């Protein structure tokens, strides 16, 4: 049953709020995605403070019109379009959908996205999906900071070990 104008206005208002709140938006083509897979993807995205939203391309287009992003024309996308709104980490939606895409044998595809108020194409979204997450980057930074300190500790401990070995050898001679 078609939606009434009031329902469409409500959806449009809701979409505008989600767009204003989102740090990144990824557009996907989901036509081969079943209900069970769809729910699994939504659950994974929710865990990382993301949201999967399906609406008509016309409504997406109307809600994004205020942003005036060059190169973005949702109506030109083929098939059904869903948006993944990233509210926390900007890369998180692309990573989760990319991982899901690998596991489910291409039942979902990247079409493009919006990052820092600029349109990015499917190839750029796929490259975003390959980047490490914010937590992984923090772990790498902490590891990099910790490496010289632990190297110094091992070097100092090595000298002390050698001193203990020399003293033990001297003791055994006497």
N, C-alpha and C. Protein backbone atom coordinates (compact mmCIF):
# COMPACT_ATOMS: atom_id res chain seq x y z
N UNK A 1 0.84 -1.17 0.00
CA UNK A 1 0.00 0.00 0.00
C UNK A 1 0.89 1.25 0.00
N UNK A 2 0.62 2.20 -0.88
CA UNK A 2 1.43 3.42 -0.95
C UNK A 2 1.34 4.23 0.34
N UNK A 3 2.39 4.97 0.60
CA UNK A 3 2.43 5.80 1.80
C UNK A 3 1.68 7.11 1.54
N UNK A 4 1.07 7.62 2.59
CA UNK A 4 0.36 8.89 2.47
C UNK A 4 1.38 10.03 2.51
N UNK A 5 0.93 11.21 2.15
CA UNK A 5 1.83 12.37 2.17
C UNK A 5 2.33 12.65 3.59
N UNK A 6 1.48 12.44 4.56
CA UNK A 6 1.87 12.67 5.95
C UNK A 6 2.96 11.67 6.37
N UNK A 7 2.82 10.41 5.98
CA UNK A 7 3.84 9.41 6.29
C UNK A 7 5.16 9.77 5.61
N UNK A 8 5.09 10.24 4.38
CA UNK A 8 6.30 10.63 3.65
C UNK A 8 6.97 11.83 4.31
N UNK A 9 6.18 12.79 4.79
CA UNK A 9 6.74 13.95 5.50
C UNK A 9 7.46 13.50 6.77
N UNK A 10 6.84 12.55 7.48
CA UNK A 10 7.45 12.02 8.70
C UNK A 10 8.77 11.34 8.39
N UNK A 11 8.79 10.51 7.34
CA UNK A 11 10.01 9.82 6.94
C UNK A 11 11.08 10.83 6.53
N UNK A 12 10.67 11.86 5.79
CA UNK A 12 11.60 12.89 5.34
C UNK A 12 12.22 13.63 6.53
N UNK A 13 11.39 13.94 7.52
CA UNK A 13 11.88 14.62 8.72
C UNK A 13 12.86 13.72 9.48
N UNK A 14 12.50 12.45 9.61
CA UNK A 14 13.34 11.47 10.28
C UNK A 14 14.69 11.32 9.56
N UNK A 15 14.63 11.22 8.24
CA UNK A 15 15.85 11.10 7.45
C UNK A 15 16.75 12.33 7.62
N UNK A 16 16.17 13.50 7.60
CA UNK A 16 16.93 14.74 7.77
C UNK A 16 17.64 14.77 9.12
N UNK A 17 16.97 14.30 10.16
CA UNK A 17 17.57 14.24 11.49
C UNK A 17 18.74 13.25 11.51
N UNK A 18 18.55 12.09 10.88
CA UNK A 18 19.61 11.08 10.85
C UNK A 18 20.82 11.60 10.08
N UNK A 19 20.58 12.29 8.98
CA UNK A 19 21.66 12.83 8.16
C UNK A 19 22.44 13.89 8.94
N UNK A 20 21.73 14.74 9.66
CA UNK A 20 22.39 15.79 10.44
C UNK A 20 23.24 15.19 11.56
N UNK A 21 22.80 14.10 12.13
CA UNK A 21 23.49 13.46 13.25
C UNK A 21 24.68 12.59 12.80
N UNK A 22 24.62 12.06 11.57
CA UNK A 22 25.61 11.09 11.10
C UNK A 22 26.96 11.74 10.77
N UNK A 23 28.04 11.01 11.12
CA UNK A 23 29.39 11.44 10.75
C UNK A 23 29.74 10.94 9.35
N UNK A 24 29.16 9.80 8.97
CA UNK A 24 29.36 9.26 7.62
C UNK A 24 28.10 8.51 7.21
N UNK A 25 27.90 8.42 5.90
CA UNK A 25 26.75 7.69 5.36
C UNK A 25 27.26 6.82 4.23
N UNK A 26 26.88 5.55 4.26
CA UNK A 26 27.25 4.61 3.20
C UNK A 26 25.97 4.15 2.52
N UNK A 27 25.95 4.21 1.19
CA UNK A 27 24.80 3.75 0.43
C UNK A 27 25.09 2.36 -0.12
N UNK A 28 24.11 1.46 0.05
CA UNK A 28 24.28 0.09 -0.41
C UNK A 28 23.12 -0.35 -1.28
N UNK A 29 23.40 -1.33 -2.11
CA UNK A 29 22.38 -1.99 -2.92
C UNK A 29 22.16 -3.34 -2.25
N UNK A 30 20.94 -3.61 -1.85
CA UNK A 30 20.68 -4.78 -1.00
C UNK A 30 19.66 -5.75 -1.60
N UNK A 31 19.43 -5.71 -2.88
CA UNK A 31 18.33 -6.46 -3.49
C UNK A 31 18.40 -7.98 -3.27
N UNK A 32 19.60 -8.55 -3.09
CA UNK A 32 19.70 -10.00 -2.89
C UNK A 32 19.80 -10.39 -1.42
N UNK A 33 19.57 -9.45 -0.54
CA UNK A 33 19.68 -9.69 0.89
C UNK A 33 18.35 -10.19 1.44
N UNK A 34 18.36 -11.36 2.08
CA UNK A 34 17.15 -11.91 2.67
C UNK A 34 16.83 -11.27 4.01
N UNK A 35 15.67 -11.60 4.55
CA UNK A 35 15.21 -11.00 5.81
C UNK A 35 16.16 -11.37 6.96
N UNK A 36 16.55 -12.63 7.05
CA UNK A 36 17.43 -13.07 8.12
C UNK A 36 18.79 -12.36 8.05
N UNK A 37 19.35 -12.28 6.86
CA UNK A 37 20.62 -11.58 6.67
C UNK A 37 20.48 -10.09 6.98
N UNK A 38 19.36 -9.52 6.58
CA UNK A 38 19.09 -8.11 6.83
C UNK A 38 19.08 -7.83 8.33
N UNK A 39 18.42 -8.66 9.09
CA UNK A 39 18.35 -8.48 10.54
C UNK A 39 19.73 -8.66 11.18
N UNK A 40 20.49 -9.62 10.68
CA UNK A 40 21.84 -9.84 11.22
C UNK A 40 22.72 -8.61 10.98
N UNK A 41 22.64 -8.04 9.78
CA UNK A 41 23.41 -6.85 9.46
C UNK A 41 22.99 -5.68 10.34
N UNK A 42 21.70 -5.49 10.53
CA UNK A 42 21.21 -4.41 11.38
C UNK A 42 21.74 -4.55 12.80
N UNK A 43 21.74 -5.78 13.31
CA UNK A 43 22.23 -6.02 14.67
C UNK A 43 23.72 -5.68 14.80
N UNK A 44 24.52 -6.12 13.83
CA UNK A 44 25.96 -5.81 13.85
C UNK A 44 26.20 -4.31 13.81
N UNK A 45 25.43 -3.62 12.99
CA UNK A 45 25.61 -2.18 12.87
C UNK A 45 25.20 -1.46 14.15
N UNK A 46 24.10 -1.89 14.76
CA UNK A 46 23.63 -1.26 16.00
C UNK A 46 24.66 -1.37 17.12
N UNK A 47 25.36 -2.51 17.18
CA UNK A 47 26.37 -2.72 18.22
C UNK A 47 27.48 -1.67 18.15
N UNK A 48 27.75 -1.16 16.97
CA UNK A 48 28.83 -0.19 16.78
C UNK A 48 28.31 1.25 16.60
N UNK A 49 27.09 1.52 17.05
CA UNK A 49 26.48 2.85 16.98
C UNK A 49 26.28 3.31 15.53
N UNK A 50 25.76 2.41 14.71
CA UNK A 50 25.41 2.70 13.33
C UNK A 50 23.95 2.32 13.12
N UNK A 51 23.38 2.79 12.02
CA UNK A 51 21.99 2.47 11.74
C UNK A 51 21.80 2.19 10.26
N UNK A 52 21.06 1.13 9.98
CA UNK A 52 20.73 0.72 8.61
C UNK A 52 19.31 1.19 8.34
N UNK A 53 19.13 1.95 7.25
CA UNK A 53 17.82 2.54 7.00
C UNK A 53 17.47 2.39 5.53
N UNK A 54 16.26 1.93 5.26
CA UNK A 54 15.77 1.74 3.90
C UNK A 54 14.64 2.72 3.65
N UNK A 55 14.72 3.43 2.54
CA UNK A 55 13.65 4.35 2.13
C UNK A 55 13.70 4.47 0.60
N UNK A 56 12.72 5.10 0.06
CA UNK A 56 12.70 5.32 -1.39
C UNK A 56 13.79 6.31 -1.77
N UNK A 57 14.32 6.11 -2.98
CA UNK A 57 15.39 6.98 -3.46
C UNK A 57 14.95 8.44 -3.51
N UNK A 58 13.71 8.68 -3.83
CA UNK A 58 13.19 10.05 -3.90
C UNK A 58 13.27 10.73 -2.53
N UNK A 59 12.94 9.98 -1.48
CA UNK A 59 12.98 10.55 -0.13
C UNK A 59 14.42 10.81 0.30
N UNK A 60 15.33 9.88 -0.03
CA UNK A 60 16.75 10.12 0.25
C UNK A 60 17.21 11.38 -0.47
N UNK A 61 16.85 11.48 -1.73
CA UNK A 61 17.27 12.61 -2.56
C UNK A 61 16.76 13.93 -1.97
N UNK A 62 15.49 13.97 -1.58
CA UNK A 62 14.91 15.18 -1.00
C UNK A 62 15.59 15.56 0.32
N UNK A 63 15.89 14.57 1.14
CA UNK A 63 16.50 14.86 2.44
C UNK A 63 17.95 15.31 2.30
N UNK A 64 18.62 14.89 1.23
CA UNK A 64 20.03 15.27 1.02
C UNK A 64 20.18 16.55 0.21
N UNK A 65 19.09 17.06 -0.31
CA UNK A 65 19.13 18.24 -1.18
C UNK A 65 19.76 19.44 -0.48
N UNK A 66 19.47 19.63 0.82
CA UNK A 66 20.00 20.77 1.57
C UNK A 66 21.53 20.73 1.68
N UNK A 67 22.11 19.55 1.65
CA UNK A 67 23.55 19.43 1.79
C UNK A 67 24.29 19.86 0.52
N UNK A 68 23.64 19.81 -0.62
CA UNK A 68 24.22 20.21 -1.92
C UNK A 68 25.60 19.59 -2.14
N UNK A 69 25.65 18.27 -2.12
CA UNK A 69 26.90 17.55 -2.31
C UNK A 69 27.12 17.29 -3.79
N UNK A 70 28.26 17.73 -4.30
CA UNK A 70 28.57 17.58 -5.73
C UNK A 70 28.76 16.10 -6.07
N UNK A 71 28.18 15.67 -7.17
CA UNK A 71 28.35 14.30 -7.66
C UNK A 71 27.36 13.30 -7.08
N UNK A 72 26.53 13.71 -6.15
CA UNK A 72 25.59 12.79 -5.51
C UNK A 72 24.21 12.93 -6.14
N UNK A 73 23.77 11.86 -6.79
CA UNK A 73 22.42 11.80 -7.34
C UNK A 73 21.88 10.40 -7.08
N UNK A 74 21.16 10.26 -5.99
CA UNK A 74 20.68 8.95 -5.55
C UNK A 74 19.76 8.32 -6.58
N UNK A 75 19.02 9.12 -7.29
CA UNK A 75 18.07 8.58 -8.27
C UNK A 75 18.78 7.80 -9.38
N UNK A 76 20.06 8.09 -9.61
CA UNK A 76 20.81 7.39 -10.66
C UNK A 76 21.31 6.01 -10.21
N UNK A 77 21.27 5.74 -8.91
CA UNK A 77 21.70 4.43 -8.42
C UNK A 77 20.71 3.37 -8.89
N UNK A 78 21.24 2.22 -9.31
CA UNK A 78 20.38 1.11 -9.75
C UNK A 78 19.83 0.34 -8.56
N UNK A 79 18.63 -0.16 -8.70
CA UNK A 79 18.03 -1.05 -7.69
C UNK A 79 17.62 -0.33 -6.42
N UNK A 80 17.37 -1.16 -5.41
CA UNK A 80 16.94 -0.64 -4.11
C UNK A 80 18.16 -0.11 -3.36
N UNK A 81 17.95 0.99 -2.66
CA UNK A 81 19.05 1.65 -1.96
C UNK A 81 18.75 1.71 -0.46
N UNK A 82 19.78 1.38 0.32
CA UNK A 82 19.71 1.52 1.78
C UNK A 82 20.86 2.43 2.20
N UNK A 83 20.68 3.12 3.28
CA UNK A 83 21.73 3.98 3.82
C UNK A 83 22.16 3.43 5.17
N UNK A 84 23.45 3.46 5.41
CA UNK A 84 24.00 3.09 6.71
C UNK A 84 24.57 4.36 7.31
N UNK A 85 23.97 4.81 8.40
CA UNK A 85 24.40 6.03 9.06
C UNK A 85 25.40 5.67 10.15
N UNK A 86 26.56 6.29 10.10
CA UNK A 86 27.59 6.08 11.12
C UNK A 86 27.59 7.23 12.10
N UNK A 87 27.18 6.97 13.32
CA UNK A 87 27.08 8.03 14.32
C UNK A 87 28.34 8.14 15.18
N UNK A 88 29.13 7.08 15.27
CA UNK A 88 30.34 7.11 16.08
C UNK A 88 31.57 7.24 15.19
N UNK A 89 32.17 6.12 14.91
CA UNK A 89 33.36 6.06 14.07
C UNK A 89 32.95 6.20 12.60
N UNK A 90 33.65 7.06 11.86
CA UNK A 90 33.31 7.31 10.47
C UNK A 90 33.53 6.09 9.58
N UNK A 91 34.51 5.27 9.91
CA UNK A 91 34.89 4.13 9.08
C UNK A 91 34.07 2.88 9.43
N UNK A 92 33.52 2.85 10.61
CA UNK A 92 32.80 1.68 11.11
C UNK A 92 31.71 1.14 10.18
N UNK A 93 30.83 1.97 9.61
CA UNK A 93 29.79 1.41 8.73
C UNK A 93 30.38 0.67 7.52
N UNK A 94 31.40 1.26 6.91
CA UNK A 94 32.03 0.63 5.74
C UNK A 94 32.69 -0.68 6.13
N UNK A 95 33.36 -0.72 7.28
CA UNK A 95 34.03 -1.94 7.72
C UNK A 95 33.03 -3.06 7.99
N UNK A 96 31.95 -2.74 8.68
CA UNK A 96 30.95 -3.76 9.02
C UNK A 96 30.27 -4.29 7.78
N UNK A 97 29.85 -3.40 6.89
CA UNK A 97 29.19 -3.84 5.65
C UNK A 97 30.18 -4.60 4.77
N UNK A 98 31.43 -4.16 4.73
CA UNK A 98 32.47 -4.86 3.95
C UNK A 98 32.69 -6.27 4.46
N UNK A 99 32.77 -6.43 5.78
CA UNK A 99 32.94 -7.76 6.38
C UNK A 99 31.73 -8.63 6.09
N UNK A 100 30.55 -8.05 6.21
CA UNK A 100 29.31 -8.78 5.95
C UNK A 100 29.25 -9.21 4.48
N UNK A 101 29.70 -8.33 3.60
CA UNK A 101 29.72 -8.60 2.16
C UNK A 101 30.61 -9.80 1.84
N UNK A 102 31.76 -9.88 2.52
CA UNK A 102 32.66 -11.03 2.32
C UNK A 102 32.02 -12.33 2.80
N UNK A 103 31.40 -12.27 3.96
CA UNK A 103 30.80 -13.46 4.56
C UNK A 103 29.59 -13.97 3.77
N UNK A 104 28.81 -13.06 3.25
CA UNK A 104 27.54 -13.43 2.58
C UNK A 104 27.66 -13.47 1.07
N UNK A 105 28.86 -13.57 0.56
CA UNK A 105 29.11 -13.76 -0.87
C UNK A 105 28.40 -12.72 -1.74
N UNK A 106 28.69 -11.48 -1.47
CA UNK A 106 28.23 -10.36 -2.30
C UNK A 106 26.71 -10.23 -2.42
N UNK A 107 25.99 -10.44 -1.33
CA UNK A 107 24.54 -10.22 -1.35
C UNK A 107 24.22 -8.74 -1.20
N UNK A 108 25.22 -7.97 -0.82
CA UNK A 108 25.06 -6.54 -0.64
C UNK A 108 26.25 -5.86 -1.32
N UNK A 109 26.02 -4.68 -1.89
CA UNK A 109 27.08 -3.99 -2.62
C UNK A 109 27.17 -2.54 -2.17
N UNK A 110 28.39 -2.00 -2.20
CA UNK A 110 28.57 -0.57 -1.97
C UNK A 110 28.17 0.18 -3.23
N UNK A 111 27.49 1.31 -3.06
CA UNK A 111 27.16 2.17 -4.20
C UNK A 111 27.93 3.48 -4.09
N UNK A 112 28.12 3.93 -2.88
CA UNK A 112 28.80 5.20 -2.64
C UNK A 112 28.59 5.62 -1.20
N UNK A 113 28.89 6.87 -0.92
CA UNK A 113 28.70 7.34 0.44
C UNK A 113 29.00 8.81 0.58
N UNK A 114 28.87 9.28 1.80
CA UNK A 114 29.17 10.67 2.13
C UNK A 114 30.12 10.65 3.32
N UNK A 115 31.24 11.30 3.15
CA UNK A 115 32.22 11.42 4.22
C UNK A 115 32.73 12.85 4.22
N UNK A 116 32.64 13.52 5.36
CA UNK A 116 33.05 14.92 5.49
C UNK A 116 32.36 15.80 4.45
N UNK A 117 31.07 15.59 4.27
CA UNK A 117 30.22 16.34 3.34
C UNK A 117 30.69 16.28 1.89
N UNK A 118 31.34 15.18 1.52
CA UNK A 118 31.77 14.96 0.14
C UNK A 118 31.30 13.58 -0.30
N UNK A 119 30.93 13.47 -1.56
CA UNK A 119 30.50 12.17 -2.10
C UNK A 119 31.73 11.32 -2.38
N UNK A 120 31.66 10.07 -1.97
CA UNK A 120 32.72 9.11 -2.30
C UNK A 120 32.08 7.95 -3.05
N UNK A 121 32.77 7.45 -4.05
CA UNK A 121 32.20 6.38 -4.87
C UNK A 121 32.41 5.01 -4.21
N UNK A 122 31.91 3.98 -4.87
CA UNK A 122 31.95 2.62 -4.31
C UNK A 122 33.38 2.15 -4.05
N UNK A 123 34.31 2.49 -4.93
CA UNK A 123 35.71 2.08 -4.75
C UNK A 123 36.32 2.72 -3.50
N UNK A 124 36.00 3.97 -3.27
CA UNK A 124 36.52 4.65 -2.08
C UNK A 124 35.89 4.09 -0.81
N UNK A 125 34.62 3.72 -0.87
CA UNK A 125 33.97 3.10 0.29
C UNK A 125 34.63 1.74 0.57
N UNK A 126 34.91 0.98 -0.49
CA UNK A 126 35.57 -0.33 -0.32
C UNK A 126 36.96 -0.16 0.30
N UNK A 127 37.68 0.89 -0.09
CA UNK A 127 38.99 1.13 0.51
C UNK A 127 38.86 1.57 1.97
N UNK A 128 37.79 2.30 2.29
CA UNK A 128 37.53 2.65 3.69
C UNK A 128 37.30 1.40 4.53
N UNK A 129 36.63 0.42 3.94
CA UNK A 129 36.32 -0.82 4.66
C UNK A 129 37.59 -1.58 5.03
N UNK A 130 38.67 -1.33 4.31
CA UNK A 130 39.93 -2.04 4.58
C UNK A 130 40.79 -1.35 5.64
N UNK A 131 40.43 -0.12 6.00
CA UNK A 131 41.18 0.61 7.02
C UNK A 131 40.96 -0.01 8.39
N UNK A 132 41.94 0.12 9.29
CA UNK A 132 41.73 -0.36 10.66
C UNK A 132 40.72 0.52 11.39
N UNK A 133 40.05 -0.06 12.36
CA UNK A 133 39.08 0.70 13.15
C UNK A 133 39.81 1.65 14.09
N UNK A 134 39.06 2.54 14.70
CA UNK A 134 39.66 3.49 15.63
C UNK A 134 40.34 2.76 16.80
N UNK A 135 39.70 1.72 17.31
CA UNK A 135 40.29 0.96 18.42
C UNK A 135 41.59 0.30 18.00
N UNK A 136 41.62 -0.25 16.78
CA UNK A 136 42.85 -0.88 16.28
C UNK A 136 43.96 0.15 16.12
N UNK A 137 43.62 1.34 15.65
CA UNK A 137 44.62 2.40 15.51
C UNK A 137 45.16 2.82 16.88
N UNK A 138 44.26 2.94 17.87
CA UNK A 138 44.72 3.27 19.22
C UNK A 138 45.67 2.20 19.74
N UNK A 139 45.34 0.95 19.51
CA UNK A 139 46.21 -0.15 19.96
C UNK A 139 47.57 -0.06 19.29
N UNK A 140 47.60 0.26 18.00
CA UNK A 140 48.87 0.40 17.28
C UNK A 140 49.70 1.55 17.84
N UNK A 141 49.03 2.66 18.17
CA UNK A 141 49.73 3.82 18.72
C UNK A 141 50.33 3.47 20.08
N UNK A 142 49.53 2.83 20.92
CA UNK A 142 50.02 2.44 22.25
C UNK A 142 51.18 1.46 22.11
N UNK A 143 51.08 0.53 21.18
CA UNK A 143 52.17 -0.42 20.94
C UNK A 143 53.43 0.30 20.48
N UNK A 144 53.27 1.29 19.61
CA UNK A 144 54.42 2.05 19.12
C UNK A 144 55.07 2.86 20.24
N UNK A 145 54.25 3.42 21.10
CA UNK A 145 54.79 4.19 22.23
C UNK A 145 55.47 3.26 23.22
N UNK A 146 54.91 2.09 23.42
CA UNK A 146 55.42 1.14 24.41
C UNK A 146 56.70 0.44 23.94
N UNK A 147 56.90 0.29 22.64
CA UNK A 147 58.03 -0.47 22.11
C UNK A 147 59.39 0.06 22.59
N UNK A 148 59.68 1.34 22.48
CA UNK A 148 60.99 1.81 22.95
C UNK A 148 61.18 1.62 24.44
N UNK A 149 60.13 1.80 25.21
CA UNK A 149 60.23 1.64 26.67
C UNK A 149 60.54 0.18 27.00
N UNK A 150 59.83 -0.75 26.39
CA UNK A 150 60.09 -2.17 26.70
C UNK A 150 61.46 -2.58 26.17
N UNK A 151 61.92 -1.99 25.07
CA UNK A 151 63.28 -2.27 24.58
C UNK A 151 64.33 -1.80 25.57
N UNK A 152 64.13 -0.62 26.15
CA UNK A 152 65.04 -0.09 27.16
C UNK A 152 65.05 -0.99 28.39
N UNK A 153 63.88 -1.41 28.84
CA UNK A 153 63.79 -2.29 30.01
C UNK A 153 64.53 -3.60 29.75
N UNK A 154 64.34 -4.18 28.57
CA UNK A 154 65.03 -5.43 28.23
C UNK A 154 66.54 -5.23 28.17
N UNK A 155 66.99 -4.10 27.63
CA UNK A 155 68.43 -3.83 27.56
C UNK A 155 69.02 -3.68 28.97
N UNK A 156 68.35 -2.95 29.84
CA UNK A 156 68.82 -2.79 31.22
C UNK A 156 68.78 -4.12 31.97
N UNK A 157 67.73 -4.89 31.76
CA UNK A 157 67.62 -6.18 32.42
C UNK A 157 68.69 -7.13 31.91
N UNK A 158 69.04 -7.02 30.64
CA UNK A 158 70.10 -7.88 30.07
C UNK A 158 71.44 -7.59 30.73
N UNK A 159 71.75 -6.32 30.96
CA UNK A 159 73.01 -5.96 31.64
C UNK A 159 73.03 -6.49 33.06
N UNK A 160 71.92 -6.39 33.75
CA UNK A 160 71.85 -6.90 35.13
C UNK A 160 72.02 -8.41 35.13
N UNK A 161 71.38 -9.10 34.17
CA UNK A 161 71.53 -10.57 34.07
C UNK A 161 72.99 -10.96 33.86
N UNK A 162 73.67 -10.23 32.99
CA UNK A 162 75.09 -10.53 32.72
C UNK A 162 75.93 -10.30 33.97
N UNK A 163 75.63 -9.23 34.72
CA UNK A 163 76.36 -8.95 35.97
C UNK A 163 76.15 -10.09 36.96
N UNK A 164 74.92 -10.56 37.08
CA UNK A 164 74.62 -11.67 38.00
C UNK A 164 75.37 -12.93 37.56
N UNK A 165 75.42 -13.19 36.26
CA UNK A 165 76.14 -14.37 35.75
C UNK A 165 77.63 -14.26 36.05
N UNK A 166 78.22 -13.08 35.89
CA UNK A 166 79.65 -12.88 36.18
C UNK A 166 79.91 -13.08 37.67
N UNK A 167 79.06 -12.52 38.52
CA UNK A 167 79.23 -12.69 39.97
C UNK A 167 79.09 -14.15 40.38
N UNK A 168 78.17 -14.86 39.75
CA UNK A 168 78.00 -16.28 40.06
C UNK A 168 79.21 -17.08 39.62
N UNK A 169 79.79 -16.76 38.48
CA UNK A 169 80.99 -17.42 38.00
C UNK A 169 82.17 -17.17 38.93
N UNK A 170 82.29 -15.95 39.44
CA UNK A 170 83.35 -15.60 40.38
C UNK A 170 83.16 -16.38 41.66
N UNK A 171 81.94 -16.50 42.14
CA UNK A 171 81.63 -17.24 43.35
C UNK A 171 81.99 -18.72 43.20
N UNK A 172 81.70 -19.31 42.05
CA UNK A 172 81.98 -20.72 41.80
C UNK A 172 83.48 -20.99 41.76
N UNK A 173 84.28 -20.03 41.32
CA UNK A 173 85.74 -20.20 41.28
C UNK A 173 86.32 -20.23 42.68
N UNK A 174 85.76 -19.53 43.61
CA UNK A 174 86.31 -19.46 44.96
C UNK A 174 85.90 -20.61 45.74
